[in-house]
Amino acid sequence: MQDQIILTAISDMTSAFEAGNMDRVMESYEAGAAIAFEPGQPISDSAIARAAFEEFSQVNPAFSYSGHEVIRAGDIALHIAPWDMVGQLPDGQEIRQSGLSVAVLRQQADGSWRMVIDNPHGSHLLGQ
């Protein structure tokens, strides 16, 4: 049951991002969360993170996951998922990206889960 709640938190964030709902995207993270928009370069400033999400949303990304793994220990959970994204540049050119999402979530006092660490580039260490 808890795994489903965690997967729903991830799914809700992805859907909000695809819809361009930056308020909901940012609500998916704890204050001070570390988000890696580039491999090895996490950002913890929410204003910079929001701006990066807004910029990336301009390609109208559509994400798919080929599977999910959740490992939970008390109020901490690790979510791992291979992902694919297709989007479109302003000139109409299609872009495709893929990677391995590695996210750490923490359960909140209200029972919800928010991301503390979000690294969509987990596969970069494998040379992919």
Protein backbone atom coordinates (compact mmCIF):
# COMPACT_ATOMS: atom_id res chain seq x y z
CA MET A 1 0.00 0.00 0.00
CA GLN A 2 2.77 2.46 0.90
CA ASP A 3 4.56 1.67 -2.36
CA GLN A 4 1.44 2.75 -4.27
CA ILE A 5 1.30 6.06 -2.38
CA ILE A 6 4.95 6.68 -3.27
CA LEU A 7 4.35 5.77 -6.93
CA THR A 8 1.35 8.11 -6.95
CA ALA A 9 3.56 10.95 -5.66
CA ILE A 10 5.98 10.35 -8.56
CA SER A 11 3.15 10.04 -11.09
CA ASP A 12 1.47 13.21 -9.83
CA MET A 13 4.71 15.17 -10.17
CA THR A 14 5.28 13.83 -13.70
CA SER A 15 1.72 14.68 -14.75
CA ALA A 16 2.00 18.17 -13.27
CA PHE A 17 5.27 18.74 -15.14
CA GLU A 18 3.82 17.55 -18.44
CA ALA A 19 0.83 19.89 -17.89
CA GLY A 20 3.09 22.84 -17.05
CA ASN A 21 1.70 23.14 -13.50
CA MET A 22 4.85 24.43 -11.82
CA ASP A 23 3.14 25.09 -8.48
CA ARG A 24 2.22 21.40 -8.23
CA VAL A 25 5.67 20.35 -9.43
CA MET A 26 7.35 22.38 -6.70
CA GLU A 27 4.91 21.04 -4.08
CA SER A 28 6.32 17.58 -4.89
CA TYR A 29 9.60 18.57 -3.21
CA GLU A 30 10.59 19.37 0.35
CA ALA A 31 12.10 22.82 0.90
CA GLY A 32 15.80 22.61 0.12
CA ALA A 33 15.48 19.43 -1.94
CA ALA A 34 18.43 18.62 -4.19
CA ILE A 35 17.42 18.30 -7.86
CA ALA A 36 19.96 17.30 -10.51
CA PHE A 37 18.95 18.96 -13.77
CA GLU A 38 22.44 18.04 -15.04
CA PRO A 39 24.49 15.02 -13.92
CA GLY A 40 26.55 15.79 -10.83
CA GLN A 41 25.17 19.33 -10.46
CA PRO A 42 22.32 19.30 -7.94
CA ILE A 43 20.38 22.49 -7.24
CA SER A 44 18.79 23.16 -3.84
CA ASP A 45 17.49 26.69 -4.46
CA SER A 46 13.74 26.43 -5.16
CA ALA A 47 13.65 29.58 -7.32
CA ILE A 48 16.43 28.26 -9.56
CA ALA A 49 14.79 24.81 -9.65
CA ARG A 50 11.45 26.31 -10.64
CA ALA A 51 13.08 28.34 -13.42
CA ALA A 52 14.82 25.20 -14.71
CA PHE A 53 11.53 23.27 -14.72
CA GLU A 54 9.81 26.15 -16.52
CA GLU A 55 12.54 26.27 -19.16
CA PHE A 56 12.47 22.52 -19.72
CA SER A 57 8.67 22.49 -19.93
CA GLN A 58 8.94 24.59 -23.11
CA VAL A 59 9.68 21.40 -25.06
CA ASN A 60 6.29 19.96 -24.02
CA PRO A 61 7.83 16.80 -22.59
CA ALA A 62 5.94 13.52 -22.47
CA PHE A 63 7.44 10.91 -20.15
CA SER A 64 7.06 7.16 -19.93
CA TYR A 65 8.53 4.76 -17.40
CA SER A 66 9.46 1.17 -18.20
CA GLY A 67 9.20 0.07 -14.57
CA HIS A 68 9.40 1.23 -10.98
CA GLU A 69 11.18 -0.05 -7.91
CA VAL A 70 10.45 1.32 -4.45
CA ILE A 71 12.56 0.51 -1.38
CA ARG A 72 11.14 1.87 1.85
CA ALA A 73 12.63 2.16 5.33
CA GLY A 74 10.32 3.92 7.75
CA ASP A 75 9.63 7.44 6.54
CA ILE A 76 12.30 7.32 3.78
CA ALA A 77 11.81 5.74 0.36
CA LEU A 78 14.03 5.23 -2.67
CA HIS A 79 12.33 5.27 -6.07
CA ILE A 80 14.21 3.96 -9.12
CA ALA A 81 12.75 4.02 -12.63
CA PRO A 82 14.07 3.95 -16.19
CA TRP A 83 12.41 6.72 -18.21
CA ASP A 84 12.02 7.96 -21.77
CA MET A 85 10.99 11.45 -22.81
CA VAL A 86 9.92 12.86 -26.13
CA GLY A 87 9.49 16.58 -26.70
CA GLN A 88 9.59 19.24 -29.37
CA LEU A 89 11.95 22.17 -29.75
CA PRO A 90 10.51 25.58 -30.74
CA ASP A 91 11.61 24.96 -34.35
CA GLY A 92 9.51 21.77 -34.44
CA GLN A 93 12.42 19.35 -34.15
CA GLU A 94 11.60 16.30 -32.05
CA ILE A 95 13.94 15.50 -29.18
CA ARG A 96 14.27 12.28 -27.24
CA GLN A 97 16.03 11.61 -23.98
CA SER A 98 16.20 8.68 -21.61
CA GLY A 99 17.74 7.90 -18.28
CA LEU A 100 17.38 6.32 -14.88
CA SER A 101 15.50 8.27 -12.25
CA VAL A 102 16.78 7.88 -8.71
CA ALA A 103 14.73 9.77 -6.13
CA VAL A 104 14.65 9.81 -2.34
CA LEU A 105 11.33 10.72 -0.76
CA ARG A 106 10.35 11.42 2.82
CA GLN A 107 6.94 10.88 4.36
CA GLN A 108 5.40 14.09 5.66
CA ALA A 109 3.42 14.56 8.87
CA ASP A 110 0.18 14.43 6.85
CA GLY A 111 1.13 11.03 5.35
CA SER A 112 2.06 12.39 1.93
CA TRP A 113 5.47 11.84 0.35
CA ARG A 114 7.77 14.54 -1.04
CA MET A 115 11.07 14.26 -2.83
CA VAL A 116 14.23 15.22 -0.97
CA ILE A 117 16.67 14.18 -3.72
CA ASP A 118 15.77 13.87 -7.40
CA ASN A 119 18.36 12.65 -9.87
CA PRO A 120 16.93 11.77 -13.28
CA HIS A 121 20.46 11.11 -14.54
CA GLY A 122 21.28 8.08 -12.39
CA SER A 123 22.54 6.14 -15.40
CA HIS A 124 25.32 8.61 -16.27
CA LEU A 125 27.77 6.75 -14.05
CA LEU A 126 27.23 3.67 -16.23
CA GLY A 127 28.42 5.58 -19.30
CA GLN A 128 24.96 5.66 -20.88
